[in-house]
Each structure stands twice: as C-alpha cells, then as structure tokens.
Protein backbone atom coordinates (compact mmCIF):
# COMPACT_ATOMS: atom_id res chain seq x y z
CA MET A 1 -48.32 8.14 -7.52
CA SER A 2 -47.70 11.36 -9.34
CA ASN A 3 -45.38 13.91 -8.95
CA THR A 4 -47.75 16.38 -7.59
CA GLN A 5 -48.68 14.12 -4.82
CA THR A 6 -45.16 13.53 -3.92
CA ILE A 7 -44.32 17.18 -3.80
CA GLN A 8 -47.36 17.89 -1.39
CA TRP A 9 -46.49 14.93 0.94
CA ARG A 10 -43.03 16.38 0.98
CA ARG A 11 -44.46 20.06 1.49
CA ILE A 12 -46.53 18.76 4.31
CA SER A 13 -43.88 17.00 6.06
CA VAL A 14 -41.43 19.87 5.88
CA GLU A 15 -44.45 22.54 7.01
CA ALA A 16 -45.29 19.87 9.84
CA ALA A 17 -41.41 19.54 11.00
CA ALA A 18 -41.38 23.36 10.92
CA ILE A 19 -44.23 23.55 13.11
CA VAL A 20 -43.12 21.37 15.70
CA ALA A 21 -39.79 22.79 15.80
CA SER A 22 -41.19 26.26 16.06
CA ILE A 23 -43.16 25.10 19.24
CA LEU A 24 -40.43 23.02 20.71
CA LEU A 25 -38.47 26.50 20.12
CA ALA A 26 -41.32 28.41 21.94
CA PHE A 27 -41.20 25.73 24.85
CA ALA A 28 -37.48 26.15 25.02
CA ILE A 29 -37.55 29.78 25.22
CA ASP A 30 -40.23 29.70 27.70
CA ALA A 31 -38.31 27.66 29.84
CA TRP A 32 -35.18 29.82 29.50
CA TRP A 33 -36.82 32.76 30.22
CA ASP A 34 -38.64 31.25 33.16
CA GLY A 35 -35.15 30.15 34.56
CA VAL A 36 -33.92 33.57 34.25
CA GLN A 37 -36.68 34.98 36.00
CA GLU A 38 -36.16 32.38 38.73
CA ARG A 39 -32.45 33.17 38.90
CA ALA A 40 -33.18 37.08 39.31
CA GLU A 41 -35.77 36.18 42.15
CA GLU A 42 -33.30 33.83 43.70
CA ARG A 43 -30.61 36.93 43.68
CA GLU A 44 -32.95 39.20 44.86
CA THR A 45 -34.18 36.66 47.93
CA LEU A 46 -30.82 36.05 48.68
CA SER A 47 -29.64 39.57 48.76
CA ALA A 48 -32.25 40.62 50.96
CA LEU A 49 -31.34 37.95 53.63
CA ARG A 50 -27.81 38.97 53.31
CA ALA A 51 -28.66 42.38 54.19
CA GLU A 52 -30.64 41.36 56.99
CA PHE A 53 -28.13 38.86 58.47
CA GLU A 54 -25.32 41.50 57.94
CA ALA A 55 -27.66 44.33 59.86
CA ASN A 56 -28.31 41.38 62.66
CA GLN A 57 -24.52 40.78 63.01
CA LYS A 58 -23.65 44.19 63.96
CA VAL A 59 -26.59 44.41 66.44
CA LEU A 60 -25.36 40.73 67.97
CA ALA A 61 -21.87 42.10 68.31
CA GLN A 62 -23.15 45.11 70.19
CA THR A 63 -25.62 43.11 72.53
CA ALA A 64 -22.69 40.35 73.09
CA GLU A 65 -20.11 43.50 74.21
CA LEU A 66 -23.00 44.66 76.92
CA HIS A 67 -23.02 41.01 78.21
CA ARG A 68 -19.22 40.92 78.58
CA LEU A 69 -19.22 44.27 80.48
CA ALA A 70 -21.73 43.02 82.63
CA LEU A 71 -19.74 39.78 83.36
CA HIS A 72 -16.66 41.79 83.80
CA ALA A 73 -18.23 44.05 86.33
CA MET A 74 -19.32 41.16 88.43
CA GLN A 75 -16.03 39.42 88.27
CA ASP A 76 -14.36 42.70 89.37
CA ILE A 77 -16.91 43.14 92.22
CA ILE A 78 -16.49 39.31 93.41
CA SER A 79 -12.38 40.37 93.40
CA ALA A 80 -13.09 43.73 95.32
CA SER A 81 -14.99 41.52 98.14
CA LYS A 82 -11.94 39.31 98.48
CA SER A 83 -9.41 42.33 98.39
CA ASP A 84 -8.20 44.52 101.66
CA ILE A 85 -7.83 47.17 99.23
CA THR A 86 -10.36 49.95 99.29
CA VAL A 87 -12.20 50.62 96.10
CA HIS A 88 -13.81 54.20 95.45
CA ASP A 89 -17.28 54.02 96.00
CA ALA A 90 -17.70 55.73 92.58
CA SER A 91 -16.17 53.01 90.82
CA LEU A 92 -18.03 50.24 92.82
CA GLY A 93 -21.26 52.10 91.94
CA SER A 94 -20.44 52.08 88.24
CA LEU A 95 -19.44 48.03 88.39
CA PHE A 96 -22.69 47.71 90.30
CA ARG A 97 -24.64 49.18 87.78
CA LEU A 98 -22.91 47.31 84.85
CA ALA A 99 -23.59 44.12 86.78
CA GLY A 100 -27.27 44.87 86.50
CA ILE A 101 -27.59 45.68 82.85
CA THR A 102 -29.98 43.26 81.06
CA PRO A 103 -29.23 43.75 77.06
CA HIS A 104 -31.74 42.31 74.63
CA TYR A 105 -30.82 41.00 71.38
CA ASN A 106 -33.85 41.41 69.03
CA PRO A 107 -32.64 40.67 65.45
CA ALA A 108 -35.01 41.77 62.50
CA THR A 109 -36.81 38.80 60.76
CA GLY A 110 -38.64 40.49 58.28
CA ALA A 111 -36.97 39.35 55.04
CA LEU A 112 -36.37 35.73 56.75
CA ALA A 113 -40.24 35.34 57.35
CA ALA A 114 -41.23 36.89 54.10
CA THR A 115 -38.82 34.45 52.33
CA ILE A 116 -40.42 31.37 54.14
CA ASN A 117 -43.81 32.47 54.47
CA SER A 118 -44.02 33.30 50.75
CA GLY A 119 -42.48 30.12 49.68
CA ARG A 120 -39.69 31.91 47.75
CA LEU A 121 -37.08 29.88 49.97
CA GLY A 122 -37.75 27.14 47.20
CA LEU A 123 -36.21 29.21 44.77
CA VAL A 124 -32.63 28.69 46.66
CA ARG A 125 -31.22 25.83 44.68
CA ASN A 126 -28.33 25.17 47.01
CA VAL A 127 -30.13 22.53 49.24
CA GLU A 128 -27.84 22.75 52.06
CA LEU A 129 -28.10 26.64 52.44
CA ARG A 130 -31.83 26.33 51.96
CA ASN A 131 -32.14 23.79 54.79
CA ARG A 132 -29.79 26.06 57.05
CA ILE A 133 -32.05 29.25 56.00
CA ALA A 134 -35.19 27.42 56.87
CA GLY A 135 -33.79 26.25 60.37
CA TRP A 136 -32.23 29.65 61.32
CA ASP A 137 -34.96 30.05 63.94
CA ALA A 138 -33.64 27.59 66.06
CA VAL A 139 -30.47 28.79 66.12
CA ILE A 140 -31.56 32.05 67.43
CA SER A 141 -34.46 30.59 69.61
CA ASP A 142 -31.99 29.10 72.47
CA LEU A 143 -30.01 32.28 72.71
CA VAL A 144 -33.12 34.37 73.18
CA ILE A 145 -34.14 31.98 75.85
CA ASP A 146 -31.06 32.10 77.66
CA GLU A 147 -31.18 35.85 77.78
CA GLN A 148 -34.62 36.02 78.92
CA THR A 149 -33.39 33.75 81.98
CA ARG A 150 -30.67 36.25 82.78
CA ARG A 151 -33.33 39.35 82.60
CA ASP A 152 -35.80 37.47 84.69
CA PHE A 153 -33.20 36.83 87.41
CA VAL A 154 -31.70 40.10 87.27
CA THR A 155 -35.18 41.66 87.55
CA HIS A 156 -36.49 39.07 90.44
CA GLU A 157 -33.46 38.59 92.32
CA LEU A 158 -30.31 40.67 91.61
CA ARG A 159 -31.90 44.19 91.54
CA PRO A 160 -33.89 43.51 94.55
CA ALA A 161 -30.75 42.16 96.52
CA PHE A 162 -28.98 45.54 95.24
CA ALA A 163 -31.78 47.62 96.30
CA GLU A 164 -31.36 46.40 99.88
CA PHE A 165 -27.89 48.27 99.93
CA GLY A 166 -29.23 51.31 98.15
CA ILE A 167 -27.53 50.13 94.93
CA ALA A 168 -28.89 51.04 91.46
CA GLY A 169 -29.21 47.86 89.46
CA SER A 170 -29.17 49.31 86.05
CA GLU A 171 -26.61 51.11 83.88
CA SER A 172 -28.80 54.20 83.93
CA GLY A 173 -29.82 53.89 87.61
CA THR A 174 -28.80 56.50 89.96
CA ASN A 175 -27.55 54.96 93.43
CA HIS A 176 -29.44 55.92 96.85
CA PRO A 177 -27.15 58.82 98.52
CA ASP A 178 -26.56 56.12 101.39
CA ALA A 179 -25.89 53.50 99.23
CA ASP A 180 -23.58 50.97 101.34
CA PHE A 181 -20.95 49.37 98.90
CA SER A 182 -18.96 47.80 101.73
CA GLU A 183 -21.60 46.18 103.33
CA ALA A 184 -22.97 44.84 99.96
CA LEU A 185 -19.13 43.36 99.48
CA ARG A 186 -19.63 41.63 102.83
CA SER A 187 -22.89 40.03 101.96
CA ARG A 188 -22.41 36.55 101.49
CA GLN A 189 -25.89 36.16 99.73
CA MET A 190 -25.20 39.23 97.47
CA MET A 191 -21.86 37.43 96.47
CA ALA A 192 -23.60 34.11 95.95
CA HIS A 193 -26.13 35.96 93.45
CA LEU A 194 -22.96 37.47 91.51
CA ARG A 195 -21.05 34.11 91.40
CA SER A 196 -23.95 32.21 89.90
CA GLN A 197 -24.47 34.96 87.50
CA ILE A 198 -21.04 35.01 86.40
CA LEU A 199 -21.44 31.37 85.44
CA ARG A 200 -24.46 31.95 83.43
CA VAL A 201 -23.35 34.96 81.75
CA ALA A 202 -19.99 33.48 80.87
CA HIS A 203 -22.37 30.55 79.28
CA LEU A 204 -24.38 33.26 77.53
CA VAL A 205 -21.46 35.14 76.09
CA THR A 206 -20.12 31.76 74.78
CA HIS A 207 -23.52 31.29 73.13
CA PHE A 208 -23.28 34.72 71.63
CA ASP A 209 -19.65 34.01 70.19
CA ASP A 210 -21.24 30.72 68.53
CA VAL A 211 -24.23 32.73 66.90
CA GLU A 212 -21.96 35.21 65.84
CA ASP A 213 -19.78 32.45 64.00
CA ALA A 214 -22.76 30.90 62.69
CA THR A 215 -23.91 34.21 61.20
CA GLN A 216 -20.67 35.02 59.82
CA ALA A 217 -20.93 31.78 58.15
CA MET A 218 -24.12 32.21 56.62
CA ILE A 219 -23.31 35.80 55.36
CA PHE A 220 -20.15 34.27 53.51
CA ASP A 221 -22.30 31.22 52.01
CA ILE A 222 -24.99 33.51 50.80
CA SER A 223 -22.54 35.79 49.36
CA GLN A 224 -20.56 32.79 47.67
CA GLU A 225 -24.23 31.60 46.17
CA LEU A 226 -24.90 35.18 44.75
CA LEU A 227 -21.53 34.91 43.10
CA SER A 228 -22.47 31.89 41.40
CA LEU A 229 -25.80 33.23 39.86
C-alpha cells in the first residue's frame, strides 16, 4: 500500500470522526436547549399556579371567616334562648342576620385548568407535586358540596323560619318593624334549626381549616420547586 493511500484513509477517518462528533455535539446542544426551554416553561407554569393558589388562599380565609361569624351568631342565639337576661332587639337582629348569611367560596381555576388541559402539567418533574396538582379539584369539591348543602338549608328552611317572625335572614336584609325576637327565641322549631346548623357549620369550618392547610402546603411546595429550577 502506498503512502498516499495510507494518508487518504487517515484523512477520511479523521474527517468521518469529525462529522460524527459534530453531529453528536449538535444533538447534545439541541437536547440541552430543549431542557433549558422545558425548565423555563416549567418555571412559568409553576409561577402561574402559585399565584393562583395564593389568590385563592386569601378568598378562602375570607369565606371561612364569614362562616365563623355565622357559627358564633347561632351559638349566641342559642345562649340567649336559654338565658333570662334581656337581649336588645338590635343585637338579636344582627345575630339573626349573621346566622342567615351564605358565603360562597368560588376559587379561580384558570391557571390550573389550563395547565392540565394543555398537557403542561407534564413539565413538572416532581412526580408527587404533579400528582397533587392533578388531584386538586377533589380537595376542593367536597368543600364546595358542603357549602352548597348549607346554602340550600338556609334558603329553603332557615330563612322561611326566620320570616315567620318577621326576621331578615341575611346580612344585608332589613327586619320587619314588628319582628318578634322574643317569640323566635322561644320557638323550639327555630332553635332546632339553629342547633342542626351549628353542627353543620362547625364541620364546614373544620373543612375550611383543612383546605387552608392544604393550600398553604401547596404554595410552599411549589415555591420550593421553583427554587430548585
């Protein structure tokens, strides 16, 4: 074999190796860039979710506080019904109105729905966090159902019972001039309604506490995941 032939084969081998190396390098750069883009998209997705959870947390706390006000009002009415102490009609009117409020937790779900429906949830590499985000609707649905059950009871049973005594059953309502609070306090049916509601609302408030804790945990975990990106 001549020297010329040997040199040509060496040159061809070097050139082939260079081509292969350049191709592999191009693939590596593409994979790296894809990873950079995916992490940027993951960061954007998690940031949007965190903002939505933070906004919902505020609404959740405000709604829970309204339910607590209703609970305390009903407890105070029951206490007044057992007491010989005269309670001013204005105070009783306020308590009855508070007892009849029906707050409604209506969380924003735009970012969550968009993340799930678009498939962007798959960008979240933390499998546990991804599964919790995917199942978040189930965390909220029971709370919404419990709240709706209370609204139905107040609308169809409690407020009509109030109306029999001229009492407005809502926070913004106006009591009838002849509202008879003393008679309402002596009504066994009225007190039975309130006692049953005390149990329901106490359970509902506990449910709100659980969801608040879960929301706070979700915000914390998303924040930790963002720090790792």
